[in-house]
């Protein structure tokens, strides 16, 4: 999962299963600002309203471990529920506070309907160990590209994009420091993105 969608200033990971965008109970609770377990309790309470394979998918540990669902559930989760757009709308029907209405509209228009304008792409960067094994020029190029992509779309303070940017910097800064230490690269060699180090 490397794409995110901004819902109520929260970066929601994009999860897909069988060609459809789906959400977990934890994602619903987070988007709606509800206590952990609220969506699951609501689902259990109204279970007879949901059609398996249409409104939700009950997936096993083997499916959860696949690359497309990586990170959707906590590690070692034995099985999980993935809720489709239709299932989501049934599930949040009892949520009738003003925030719930706004979140529902955003979830449908931005998340489920694949509105790519609202997507935030997480910048992937190799581990420090992988970078240390690469030729200096290649590693420098990868880190420079990651820094450029990360800084390109960050939003205003408090936005989901800025939150994502802060998370990415936690990977990018150590990577730059590793390159400098390993290859004796000067800050000048790193160009503008070398300023990131000075801001730590």
N, C-alpha and C. Protein backbone atom coordinates (compact mmCIF):
# COMPACT_ATOMS: atom_id res chain seq x y z
N UNK A 1 0.85 -1.18 0.00
CA UNK A 1 0.00 0.00 0.00
C UNK A 1 0.89 1.24 0.00
N UNK A 2 0.98 1.90 -1.14
CA UNK A 2 1.84 3.07 -1.19
C UNK A 2 1.06 4.35 -1.49
N UNK A 3 -0.24 4.25 -1.78
CA UNK A 3 -1.06 5.43 -2.03
C UNK A 3 -1.93 5.73 -0.83
N UNK A 4 -2.21 7.01 -0.64
CA UNK A 4 -3.05 7.44 0.44
C UNK A 4 -4.08 8.42 -0.10
N UNK A 5 -5.19 8.54 0.60
CA UNK A 5 -6.22 9.51 0.25
C UNK A 5 -6.47 10.37 1.47
N UNK A 6 -6.58 11.67 1.28
CA UNK A 6 -6.82 12.59 2.39
C UNK A 6 -8.31 12.63 2.71
N UNK A 7 -8.66 12.15 3.90
CA UNK A 7 -10.04 12.19 4.39
C UNK A 7 -10.02 12.93 5.73
N UNK A 8 -10.69 14.08 5.81
CA UNK A 8 -10.72 14.87 7.05
C UNK A 8 -9.32 15.11 7.61
N UNK A 9 -8.39 15.48 6.73
CA UNK A 9 -6.99 15.75 7.11
C UNK A 9 -6.29 14.53 7.68
N UNK A 10 -6.80 13.34 7.35
CA UNK A 10 -6.15 12.10 7.76
C UNK A 10 -5.72 11.36 6.50
N UNK A 11 -4.49 10.88 6.47
CA UNK A 11 -4.00 10.12 5.32
C UNK A 11 -4.49 8.68 5.44
N UNK A 12 -5.45 8.31 4.60
CA UNK A 12 -6.01 6.96 4.61
C UNK A 12 -5.29 6.12 3.56
N UNK A 13 -4.74 4.96 3.94
CA UNK A 13 -4.09 4.12 2.93
C UNK A 13 -5.12 3.55 1.97
N UNK A 14 -4.75 3.42 0.71
CA UNK A 14 -5.64 2.83 -0.29
C UNK A 14 -5.46 1.32 -0.26
N UNK A 15 -6.55 0.60 0.00
CA UNK A 15 -6.52 -0.86 0.08
C UNK A 15 -7.42 -1.41 -1.02
N UNK A 16 -6.89 -2.34 -1.82
CA UNK A 16 -7.68 -2.94 -2.88
C UNK A 16 -7.69 -4.45 -2.75
N UNK A 17 -8.84 -5.02 -3.09
CA UNK A 17 -8.99 -6.48 -3.05
C UNK A 17 -9.94 -6.88 -4.18
N UNK A 18 -9.50 -7.82 -5.00
CA UNK A 18 -10.27 -8.29 -6.15
C UNK A 18 -10.72 -7.13 -7.04
N UNK A 19 -9.81 -6.18 -7.23
CA UNK A 19 -10.07 -5.06 -8.13
C UNK A 19 -10.96 -3.98 -7.56
N UNK A 20 -11.34 -4.08 -6.29
CA UNK A 20 -12.20 -3.08 -5.66
C UNK A 20 -11.48 -2.42 -4.50
N UNK A 21 -11.77 -1.15 -4.29
CA UNK A 21 -11.26 -0.49 -3.10
C UNK A 21 -12.11 -0.91 -1.91
N UNK A 22 -11.44 -1.24 -0.84
CA UNK A 22 -12.11 -1.70 0.38
C UNK A 22 -11.51 -1.00 1.58
N UNK A 23 -12.20 -1.10 2.71
CA UNK A 23 -11.71 -0.51 3.96
C UNK A 23 -11.81 -1.53 5.08
N UNK A 24 -11.01 -1.35 6.09
CA UNK A 24 -11.09 -2.19 7.29
C UNK A 24 -11.89 -1.45 8.34
N UNK A 25 -12.27 -2.16 9.40
CA UNK A 25 -12.99 -1.52 10.50
C UNK A 25 -12.14 -0.42 11.13
N UNK A 26 -10.85 -0.68 11.25
CA UNK A 26 -9.95 0.31 11.86
C UNK A 26 -9.89 1.59 11.03
N UNK A 27 -9.89 1.45 9.71
CA UNK A 27 -9.88 2.61 8.83
C UNK A 27 -11.16 3.42 8.97
N UNK A 28 -12.30 2.74 9.11
CA UNK A 28 -13.58 3.44 9.28
C UNK A 28 -13.58 4.21 10.59
N UNK A 29 -13.14 3.54 11.67
CA UNK A 29 -13.08 4.22 12.98
C UNK A 29 -12.20 5.47 12.91
N UNK A 30 -11.05 5.34 12.24
CA UNK A 30 -10.11 6.46 12.14
C UNK A 30 -10.71 7.61 11.33
N UNK A 31 -11.31 7.31 10.19
CA UNK A 31 -11.88 8.34 9.33
C UNK A 31 -13.01 9.09 10.02
N UNK A 32 -13.80 8.35 10.80
CA UNK A 32 -14.97 8.95 11.45
C UNK A 32 -14.68 9.45 12.86
N UNK A 33 -13.43 9.31 13.29
CA UNK A 33 -13.08 9.78 14.63
C UNK A 33 -13.81 9.03 15.73
N UNK A 34 -14.05 7.75 15.51
CA UNK A 34 -14.78 6.93 16.50
C UNK A 34 -13.80 6.11 17.32
N UNK A 35 -14.27 5.66 18.48
CA UNK A 35 -13.44 4.80 19.33
C UNK A 35 -13.13 3.50 18.60
N UNK A 36 -11.95 2.95 18.90
CA UNK A 36 -11.54 1.69 18.31
C UNK A 36 -12.58 0.61 18.61
N UNK A 37 -13.00 -0.10 17.59
CA UNK A 37 -13.97 -1.18 17.76
C UNK A 37 -15.40 -0.77 17.44
N UNK A 38 -15.65 0.53 17.19
CA UNK A 38 -17.01 1.00 16.91
C UNK A 38 -17.56 0.38 15.63
N UNK A 39 -16.79 0.42 14.55
CA UNK A 39 -17.26 -0.11 13.26
C UNK A 39 -17.50 -1.62 13.36
N UNK A 40 -16.61 -2.32 14.04
CA UNK A 40 -16.77 -3.76 14.20
C UNK A 40 -18.04 -4.11 14.98
N UNK A 41 -18.30 -3.37 16.05
CA UNK A 41 -19.51 -3.60 16.84
C UNK A 41 -20.77 -3.33 16.01
N UNK A 42 -20.74 -2.26 15.23
CA UNK A 42 -21.89 -1.92 14.39
C UNK A 42 -22.12 -3.01 13.35
N UNK A 43 -21.04 -3.51 12.76
CA UNK A 43 -21.13 -4.59 11.77
C UNK A 43 -21.74 -5.84 12.40
N UNK A 44 -21.25 -6.21 13.58
CA UNK A 44 -21.75 -7.40 14.27
C UNK A 44 -23.23 -7.26 14.63
N UNK A 45 -23.60 -6.06 15.07
CA UNK A 45 -24.99 -5.79 15.47
C UNK A 45 -25.96 -5.91 14.29
N UNK A 46 -25.51 -5.50 13.11
CA UNK A 46 -26.36 -5.50 11.91
C UNK A 46 -25.88 -6.52 10.87
N UNK A 47 -25.23 -7.58 11.33
CA UNK A 47 -24.62 -8.57 10.44
C UNK A 47 -25.58 -9.10 9.38
N UNK A 48 -26.86 -9.26 9.72
CA UNK A 48 -27.84 -9.83 8.78
C UNK A 48 -28.10 -8.91 7.58
N UNK A 49 -27.68 -7.66 7.66
CA UNK A 49 -27.87 -6.69 6.56
C UNK A 49 -26.80 -6.79 5.49
N UNK A 50 -25.71 -7.47 5.81
CA UNK A 50 -24.55 -7.51 4.91
C UNK A 50 -24.48 -8.82 4.13
N UNK A 51 -24.16 -8.71 2.84
CA UNK A 51 -24.03 -9.88 1.98
C UNK A 51 -22.55 -10.13 1.74
N UNK A 52 -22.07 -11.30 2.14
CA UNK A 52 -20.65 -11.62 1.93
C UNK A 52 -20.36 -11.71 0.44
N UNK A 53 -19.22 -11.15 0.03
CA UNK A 53 -18.85 -11.14 -1.38
C UNK A 53 -19.37 -9.93 -2.12
N UNK A 54 -20.32 -9.22 -1.52
CA UNK A 54 -20.87 -8.01 -2.11
C UNK A 54 -20.57 -6.81 -1.21
N UNK A 55 -20.93 -6.95 0.06
CA UNK A 55 -20.72 -5.87 1.03
C UNK A 55 -19.41 -5.99 1.80
N UNK A 56 -18.90 -7.20 1.88
CA UNK A 56 -17.65 -7.43 2.61
C UNK A 56 -17.01 -8.73 2.17
N UNK A 57 -15.73 -8.86 2.49
CA UNK A 57 -14.97 -10.09 2.26
C UNK A 57 -14.37 -10.51 3.59
N UNK A 58 -14.53 -11.78 3.92
CA UNK A 58 -13.91 -12.35 5.13
C UNK A 58 -12.64 -13.04 4.66
N UNK A 59 -11.47 -12.45 4.93
CA UNK A 59 -10.21 -12.96 4.39
C UNK A 59 -9.37 -13.66 5.46
N UNK A 60 -8.65 -14.68 5.03
CA UNK A 60 -7.82 -15.46 5.94
C UNK A 60 -6.41 -14.87 6.02
N UNK A 61 -5.62 -15.42 6.91
CA UNK A 61 -4.25 -14.95 7.12
C UNK A 61 -3.42 -15.03 5.84
N UNK A 62 -3.62 -16.08 5.05
CA UNK A 62 -2.87 -16.22 3.79
C UNK A 62 -3.14 -15.05 2.84
N UNK A 63 -4.39 -14.62 2.78
CA UNK A 63 -4.76 -13.50 1.92
C UNK A 63 -4.22 -12.19 2.49
N UNK A 64 -4.32 -12.05 3.81
CA UNK A 64 -3.85 -10.83 4.48
C UNK A 64 -2.36 -10.61 4.24
N UNK A 65 -1.60 -11.69 4.10
CA UNK A 65 -0.15 -11.59 3.92
C UNK A 65 0.25 -11.20 2.50
N UNK A 66 -0.69 -11.19 1.56
CA UNK A 66 -0.34 -10.86 0.18
C UNK A 66 0.10 -9.41 0.08
N UNK A 67 0.86 -9.11 -0.95
CA UNK A 67 1.44 -7.78 -1.12
C UNK A 67 0.39 -6.68 -1.18
N UNK A 68 -0.74 -6.96 -1.85
CA UNK A 68 -1.77 -5.92 -2.01
C UNK A 68 -2.43 -5.53 -0.69
N UNK A 69 -2.40 -6.41 0.31
CA UNK A 69 -3.02 -6.11 1.61
C UNK A 69 -1.99 -5.85 2.71
N UNK A 70 -0.74 -5.79 2.32
CA UNK A 70 0.33 -5.58 3.29
C UNK A 70 0.10 -4.28 4.06
N UNK A 71 0.03 -4.39 5.38
CA UNK A 71 -0.17 -3.22 6.22
C UNK A 71 -1.62 -2.88 6.50
N UNK A 72 -2.56 -3.58 5.85
CA UNK A 72 -3.98 -3.29 6.08
C UNK A 72 -4.43 -3.75 7.46
N UNK A 73 -3.81 -4.82 7.95
CA UNK A 73 -4.13 -5.37 9.27
C UNK A 73 -2.86 -5.47 10.10
N UNK A 74 -2.99 -5.49 11.43
CA UNK A 74 -1.80 -5.72 12.26
C UNK A 74 -1.16 -7.07 11.92
N UNK A 75 0.15 -7.17 12.11
CA UNK A 75 0.83 -8.43 11.82
C UNK A 75 0.24 -9.57 12.66
N UNK A 76 0.24 -10.75 12.11
CA UNK A 76 -0.26 -11.97 12.75
C UNK A 76 -1.78 -11.97 12.95
N UNK A 77 -2.49 -11.13 12.21
CA UNK A 77 -3.95 -11.16 12.27
C UNK A 77 -4.41 -12.45 11.59
N UNK A 78 -5.16 -13.33 12.29
CA UNK A 78 -5.56 -14.62 11.70
C UNK A 78 -6.59 -14.49 10.57
N UNK A 79 -7.49 -13.54 10.68
CA UNK A 79 -8.45 -13.28 9.61
C UNK A 79 -9.00 -11.87 9.79
N UNK A 80 -9.58 -11.32 8.73
CA UNK A 80 -10.07 -9.95 8.80
C UNK A 80 -11.22 -9.71 7.85
N UNK A 81 -11.91 -8.61 8.08
CA UNK A 81 -13.04 -8.22 7.25
C UNK A 81 -12.63 -7.02 6.40
N UNK A 82 -12.89 -7.12 5.09
CA UNK A 82 -12.68 -6.01 4.17
C UNK A 82 -14.06 -5.55 3.71
N UNK A 83 -14.36 -4.29 3.89
CA UNK A 83 -15.69 -3.75 3.60
C UNK A 83 -15.66 -3.00 2.27
N UNK A 84 -16.63 -3.31 1.39
CA UNK A 84 -16.73 -2.64 0.09
C UNK A 84 -17.45 -1.30 0.25
N UNK A 85 -17.56 -0.55 -0.85
CA UNK A 85 -18.26 0.74 -0.79
C UNK A 85 -19.70 0.56 -0.32
N UNK A 86 -20.41 -0.42 -0.91
CA UNK A 86 -21.79 -0.64 -0.50
C UNK A 86 -21.89 -1.03 0.97
N UNK A 87 -20.99 -1.90 1.40
CA UNK A 87 -20.96 -2.31 2.80
C UNK A 87 -20.65 -1.16 3.73
N UNK A 88 -19.74 -0.28 3.28
CA UNK A 88 -19.39 0.89 4.08
C UNK A 88 -20.62 1.78 4.29
N UNK A 89 -21.38 2.02 3.23
CA UNK A 89 -22.56 2.89 3.33
C UNK A 89 -23.62 2.29 4.25
N UNK A 90 -23.75 0.96 4.24
CA UNK A 90 -24.68 0.32 5.17
C UNK A 90 -24.15 0.45 6.60
N UNK A 91 -22.86 0.22 6.76
CA UNK A 91 -22.24 0.23 8.09
C UNK A 91 -22.33 1.59 8.77
N UNK A 92 -22.13 2.66 8.00
CA UNK A 92 -22.11 4.00 8.62
C UNK A 92 -23.49 4.66 8.65
N UNK A 93 -24.51 3.94 8.21
CA UNK A 93 -25.86 4.51 8.24
C UNK A 93 -26.27 4.98 9.64
N UNK A 94 -25.93 4.22 10.70
CA UNK A 94 -26.27 4.70 12.05
C UNK A 94 -25.44 5.91 12.50
N UNK A 95 -24.33 6.21 11.80
CA UNK A 95 -23.51 7.36 12.15
C UNK A 95 -24.16 8.61 11.56
N UNK A 96 -24.97 9.32 12.32
CA UNK A 96 -25.70 10.44 11.72
C UNK A 96 -25.31 11.81 12.27
N UNK A 97 -24.13 11.91 12.85
CA UNK A 97 -23.66 13.22 13.30
C UNK A 97 -23.14 14.02 12.09
N UNK A 98 -23.00 15.34 12.21
CA UNK A 98 -22.55 16.17 11.07
C UNK A 98 -21.22 15.71 10.47
N UNK A 99 -20.27 15.31 11.32
CA UNK A 99 -18.97 14.85 10.81
C UNK A 99 -19.15 13.62 9.94
N UNK A 100 -20.02 12.71 10.35
CA UNK A 100 -20.23 11.47 9.61
C UNK A 100 -20.69 11.75 8.19
N UNK A 101 -21.57 12.71 8.01
CA UNK A 101 -22.05 13.05 6.66
C UNK A 101 -20.91 13.55 5.79
N UNK A 102 -20.09 14.42 6.34
CA UNK A 102 -18.95 14.95 5.56
C UNK A 102 -17.97 13.85 5.20
N UNK A 103 -17.68 12.97 6.16
CA UNK A 103 -16.74 11.87 5.90
C UNK A 103 -17.30 10.92 4.85
N UNK A 104 -18.59 10.61 4.92
CA UNK A 104 -19.21 9.71 3.94
C UNK A 104 -19.05 10.25 2.52
N UNK A 105 -19.30 11.54 2.35
CA UNK A 105 -19.17 12.15 1.03
C UNK A 105 -17.73 12.05 0.54
N UNK A 106 -16.77 12.36 1.41
CA UNK A 106 -15.37 12.29 1.03
C UNK A 106 -14.95 10.85 0.71
N UNK A 107 -15.41 9.90 1.52
CA UNK A 107 -15.04 8.50 1.29
C UNK A 107 -15.56 8.01 -0.07
N UNK A 108 -16.79 8.37 -0.39
CA UNK A 108 -17.37 7.92 -1.66
C UNK A 108 -16.71 8.62 -2.83
N UNK A 109 -16.61 9.94 -2.77
CA UNK A 109 -16.11 10.71 -3.91
C UNK A 109 -14.60 10.62 -4.10
N UNK A 110 -13.86 10.55 -3.00
CA UNK A 110 -12.40 10.58 -3.10
C UNK A 110 -11.76 9.20 -2.98
N UNK A 111 -12.29 8.36 -2.10
CA UNK A 111 -11.67 7.06 -1.87
C UNK A 111 -12.24 5.99 -2.81
N UNK A 112 -13.51 5.66 -2.66
CA UNK A 112 -14.08 4.55 -3.42
C UNK A 112 -14.17 4.83 -4.92
N UNK A 113 -14.40 6.08 -5.30
CA UNK A 113 -14.55 6.40 -6.73
C UNK A 113 -13.23 6.70 -7.42
N UNK A 114 -12.13 6.42 -6.76
CA UNK A 114 -10.80 6.57 -7.36
C UNK A 114 -10.53 7.96 -7.93
N UNK A 115 -10.83 8.96 -7.13
CA UNK A 115 -10.53 10.33 -7.52
C UNK A 115 -9.04 10.57 -7.28
N UNK A 116 -8.24 10.39 -8.31
CA UNK A 116 -6.78 10.45 -8.14
C UNK A 116 -6.29 11.84 -7.76
N UNK A 117 -7.12 12.88 -7.96
CA UNK A 117 -6.69 14.22 -7.55
C UNK A 117 -6.55 14.31 -6.04
N UNK A 118 -7.31 13.47 -5.33
CA UNK A 118 -7.25 13.50 -3.88
C UNK A 118 -6.23 12.54 -3.29
N UNK A 119 -5.50 11.83 -4.15
CA UNK A 119 -4.56 10.83 -3.65
C UNK A 119 -3.22 11.43 -3.26
N UNK A 120 -2.66 10.89 -2.21
CA UNK A 120 -1.32 11.24 -1.76
C UNK A 120 -0.45 10.01 -1.97
N UNK A 121 0.61 10.16 -2.71
CA UNK A 121 1.45 9.00 -2.98
C UNK A 121 2.61 8.96 -1.99
N UNK A 122 2.70 7.85 -1.28
CA UNK A 122 3.80 7.68 -0.33
C UNK A 122 5.09 7.39 -1.11
N UNK A 123 6.13 8.09 -0.78
CA UNK A 123 7.41 7.91 -1.45
C UNK A 123 8.14 6.73 -0.84
N UNK A 124 8.45 5.75 -1.67
CA UNK A 124 9.18 4.57 -1.21
C UNK A 124 10.68 4.83 -1.26
N UNK A 125 11.38 4.35 -0.26
CA UNK A 125 12.83 4.51 -0.22
C UNK A 125 13.45 3.22 0.31
N UNK A 126 14.55 2.76 -0.30
CA UNK A 126 15.18 1.52 0.19
C UNK A 126 15.64 1.67 1.63
N UNK A 127 15.86 0.53 2.28
CA UNK A 127 16.36 0.55 3.65
C UNK A 127 17.80 1.08 3.67
N UNK A 128 18.26 1.47 4.85
CA UNK A 128 19.63 1.97 4.98
C UNK A 128 20.64 0.91 4.57
N UNK A 129 20.33 -0.35 4.89
CA UNK A 129 21.22 -1.46 4.52
C UNK A 129 21.31 -1.60 3.00
N UNK A 130 20.15 -1.50 2.34
CA UNK A 130 20.14 -1.61 0.87
C UNK A 130 20.90 -0.45 0.23
N UNK A 131 20.71 0.75 0.77
CA UNK A 131 21.42 1.91 0.22
C UNK A 131 22.93 1.77 0.38
N UNK A 132 23.35 1.22 1.52
CA UNK A 132 24.79 1.08 1.77
C UNK A 132 25.46 0.08 0.83
N UNK A 133 24.66 -0.83 0.24
CA UNK A 133 25.21 -1.83 -0.68
C UNK A 133 25.27 -1.32 -2.12
N UNK A 134 24.63 -0.20 -2.40
CA UNK A 134 24.58 0.33 -3.76
C UNK A 134 25.80 1.18 -4.09
N UNK A 135 26.09 1.33 -5.39
CA UNK A 135 27.12 2.30 -5.78
C UNK A 135 26.67 3.69 -5.32
N UNK A 136 27.63 4.52 -4.95
CA UNK A 136 27.32 5.85 -4.39
C UNK A 136 26.41 6.67 -5.29
N UNK A 137 26.69 6.68 -6.59
CA UNK A 137 25.91 7.51 -7.51
C UNK A 137 24.45 7.05 -7.59
N UNK A 138 24.23 5.73 -7.62
CA UNK A 138 22.87 5.19 -7.69
C UNK A 138 22.10 5.51 -6.42
N UNK A 139 22.73 5.29 -5.27
CA UNK A 139 22.08 5.56 -3.98
C UNK A 139 21.73 7.04 -3.86
N UNK A 140 22.66 7.90 -4.28
CA UNK A 140 22.43 9.34 -4.21
C UNK A 140 21.25 9.73 -5.09
N UNK A 141 21.18 9.14 -6.29
CA UNK A 141 20.07 9.44 -7.21
C UNK A 141 18.73 9.03 -6.61
N UNK A 142 18.67 7.85 -6.00
CA UNK A 142 17.42 7.35 -5.41
C UNK A 142 16.94 8.26 -4.28
N UNK A 143 17.88 8.65 -3.41
CA UNK A 143 17.51 9.49 -2.27
C UNK A 143 17.11 10.89 -2.74
N UNK A 144 17.83 11.43 -3.72
CA UNK A 144 17.50 12.75 -4.26
C UNK A 144 16.11 12.74 -4.88
N UNK A 145 15.81 11.69 -5.61
CA UNK A 145 14.49 11.57 -6.26
C UNK A 145 13.39 11.45 -5.20
N UNK A 146 13.64 10.65 -4.16
CA UNK A 146 12.65 10.48 -3.09
C UNK A 146 12.38 11.81 -2.38
N UNK A 147 13.44 12.57 -2.11
CA UNK A 147 13.28 13.87 -1.45
C UNK A 147 12.48 14.83 -2.33
N UNK A 148 12.76 14.84 -3.63
CA UNK A 148 12.05 15.73 -4.55
C UNK A 148 10.56 15.38 -4.61
N UNK A 149 10.26 14.08 -4.74
CA UNK A 149 8.87 13.64 -4.81
C UNK A 149 8.13 13.91 -3.51
N UNK A 150 8.81 13.72 -2.39
CA UNK A 150 8.19 13.93 -1.08
C UNK A 150 7.86 15.40 -0.86
N UNK A 151 8.78 16.29 -1.24
CA UNK A 151 8.57 17.72 -0.99
C UNK A 151 7.62 18.35 -2.00
N UNK A 152 7.44 17.70 -3.15
CA UNK A 152 6.65 18.29 -4.24
C UNK A 152 5.20 18.59 -3.85
N UNK A 153 4.53 17.63 -3.22
CA UNK A 153 3.10 17.81 -2.99
C UNK A 153 2.70 18.04 -1.55
N UNK A 154 3.62 18.40 -0.67
CA UNK A 154 3.22 18.53 0.73
C UNK A 154 2.35 19.78 0.92
N UNK A 155 1.38 19.65 1.80
CA UNK A 155 0.39 20.70 1.99
C UNK A 155 0.70 21.61 3.15
N UNK A 156 -0.34 22.30 3.59
CA UNK A 156 -0.18 23.24 4.69
C UNK A 156 -0.08 22.51 6.02
N UNK A 157 0.46 23.15 7.06
CA UNK A 157 0.59 22.51 8.37
C UNK A 157 -0.74 21.95 8.85
N UNK A 158 -0.69 20.72 9.37
CA UNK A 158 -1.90 20.07 9.88
C UNK A 158 -2.64 19.26 8.84
N UNK A 159 -2.26 19.39 7.56
CA UNK A 159 -2.95 18.64 6.52
C UNK A 159 -2.43 17.21 6.48
N UNK A 160 -3.21 16.33 5.83
CA UNK A 160 -2.80 14.93 5.69
C UNK A 160 -1.51 14.83 4.89
N UNK A 161 -1.37 15.70 3.88
CA UNK A 161 -0.16 15.69 3.05
C UNK A 161 1.08 16.05 3.87
N UNK A 162 0.94 17.02 4.77
CA UNK A 162 2.07 17.41 5.61
C UNK A 162 2.41 16.32 6.62
N UNK A 163 1.40 15.64 7.13
CA UNK A 163 1.62 14.52 8.05
C UNK A 163 2.41 13.42 7.35
N UNK A 164 2.02 13.12 6.10
CA UNK A 164 2.72 12.11 5.32
C UNK A 164 4.15 12.55 5.04
N UNK A 165 4.33 13.82 4.74
CA UNK A 165 5.67 14.36 4.49
C UNK A 165 6.57 14.17 5.71
N UNK A 166 6.04 14.42 6.91
CA UNK A 166 6.84 14.23 8.13
C UNK A 166 7.26 12.78 8.30
N UNK A 167 6.36 11.85 7.99
CA UNK A 167 6.69 10.43 8.09
C UNK A 167 7.79 10.06 7.10
N UNK A 168 7.70 10.61 5.89
CA UNK A 168 8.70 10.31 4.88
C UNK A 168 10.07 10.87 5.26
N UNK A 169 10.07 12.04 5.87
CA UNK A 169 11.34 12.63 6.28
C UNK A 169 12.06 11.78 7.32
N UNK A 170 11.29 11.01 8.10
CA UNK A 170 11.91 10.13 9.08
C UNK A 170 12.72 9.03 8.40
N UNK A 171 12.42 8.74 7.14
CA UNK A 171 13.20 7.78 6.37
C UNK A 171 14.27 8.48 5.55
N UNK A 172 13.91 9.65 5.00
CA UNK A 172 14.82 10.34 4.08
C UNK A 172 16.04 10.92 4.82
N UNK A 173 15.83 11.53 5.97
CA UNK A 173 16.95 12.14 6.70
C UNK A 173 18.04 11.13 7.07
N UNK A 174 17.67 9.96 7.66
CA UNK A 174 18.73 8.98 7.95
C UNK A 174 19.41 8.47 6.68
N UNK A 175 18.65 8.41 5.58
CA UNK A 175 19.24 7.94 4.32
C UNK A 175 20.30 8.92 3.84
N UNK A 176 20.00 10.22 3.91
CA UNK A 176 20.98 11.23 3.50
C UNK A 176 22.22 11.17 4.38
N UNK A 177 21.99 11.04 5.69
CA UNK A 177 23.11 10.96 6.63
C UNK A 177 23.98 9.73 6.34
N UNK A 178 23.32 8.60 6.01
CA UNK A 178 24.04 7.37 5.68
C UNK A 178 24.90 7.58 4.44
N UNK A 179 24.35 8.24 3.43
CA UNK A 179 25.12 8.50 2.20
C UNK A 179 26.33 9.36 2.49
N UNK A 180 26.13 10.38 3.30
CA UNK A 180 27.26 11.27 3.64
C UNK A 180 28.34 10.50 4.39
N UNK A 181 27.92 9.70 5.37
CA UNK A 181 28.89 8.95 6.18
C UNK A 181 29.62 7.88 5.36
N UNK A 182 28.88 7.18 4.52
CA UNK A 182 29.48 6.07 3.76
C UNK A 182 30.36 6.54 2.61
N UNK A 183 29.91 7.55 1.92
CA UNK A 183 30.59 7.93 0.68
C UNK A 183 31.28 9.28 0.76
N UNK A 184 31.34 9.86 1.96
CA UNK A 184 32.02 11.14 2.17
C UNK A 184 31.51 12.20 1.20
N UNK A 185 30.18 12.21 1.01
CA UNK A 185 29.57 13.20 0.12
C UNK A 185 29.40 14.49 0.91
N UNK A 186 29.73 15.60 0.28
CA UNK A 186 29.52 16.88 0.96
C UNK A 186 28.09 17.33 0.74
N UNK A 187 27.65 18.26 1.57
CA UNK A 187 26.29 18.80 1.43
C UNK A 187 26.12 19.44 0.05
N UNK A 188 27.18 20.04 -0.48
CA UNK A 188 27.09 20.66 -1.81
C UNK A 188 26.77 19.62 -2.88
N UNK A 189 27.37 18.43 -2.74
CA UNK A 189 27.12 17.36 -3.71
C UNK A 189 25.66 16.93 -3.72
N UNK A 190 24.98 17.09 -2.59
CA UNK A 190 23.60 16.62 -2.47
C UNK A 190 22.60 17.63 -3.02
N UNK A 191 23.01 18.82 -3.35
CA UNK A 191 22.08 19.80 -3.91
C UNK A 191 21.12 20.33 -2.87
N UNK A 192 19.97 20.82 -3.35
CA UNK A 192 18.99 21.43 -2.46
C UNK A 192 18.46 20.48 -1.40
N UNK A 193 18.32 19.20 -1.75
CA UNK A 193 17.72 18.30 -0.77
C UNK A 193 18.64 18.02 0.40
N UNK A 194 19.90 18.42 0.31
CA UNK A 194 20.81 18.29 1.43
C UNK A 194 20.41 19.19 2.59
N UNK A 195 19.59 20.22 2.32
CA UNK A 195 19.13 21.12 3.38
C UNK A 195 18.32 20.40 4.41
N UNK A 196 17.75 19.28 4.02
CA UNK A 196 16.92 18.50 4.96
C UNK A 196 17.73 18.14 6.20
N UNK A 197 18.98 17.77 6.00
CA UNK A 197 19.85 17.39 7.12
C UNK A 197 20.02 18.56 8.09
N UNK A 198 20.19 19.76 7.53
CA UNK A 198 20.42 20.93 8.38
C UNK A 198 19.21 21.32 9.22
N UNK A 199 18.04 20.82 8.81
CA UNK A 199 16.81 21.16 9.53
C UNK A 199 16.47 20.15 10.62
N UNK A 200 17.29 19.10 10.80
CA UNK A 200 17.00 18.10 11.82
C UNK A 200 17.40 18.62 13.18
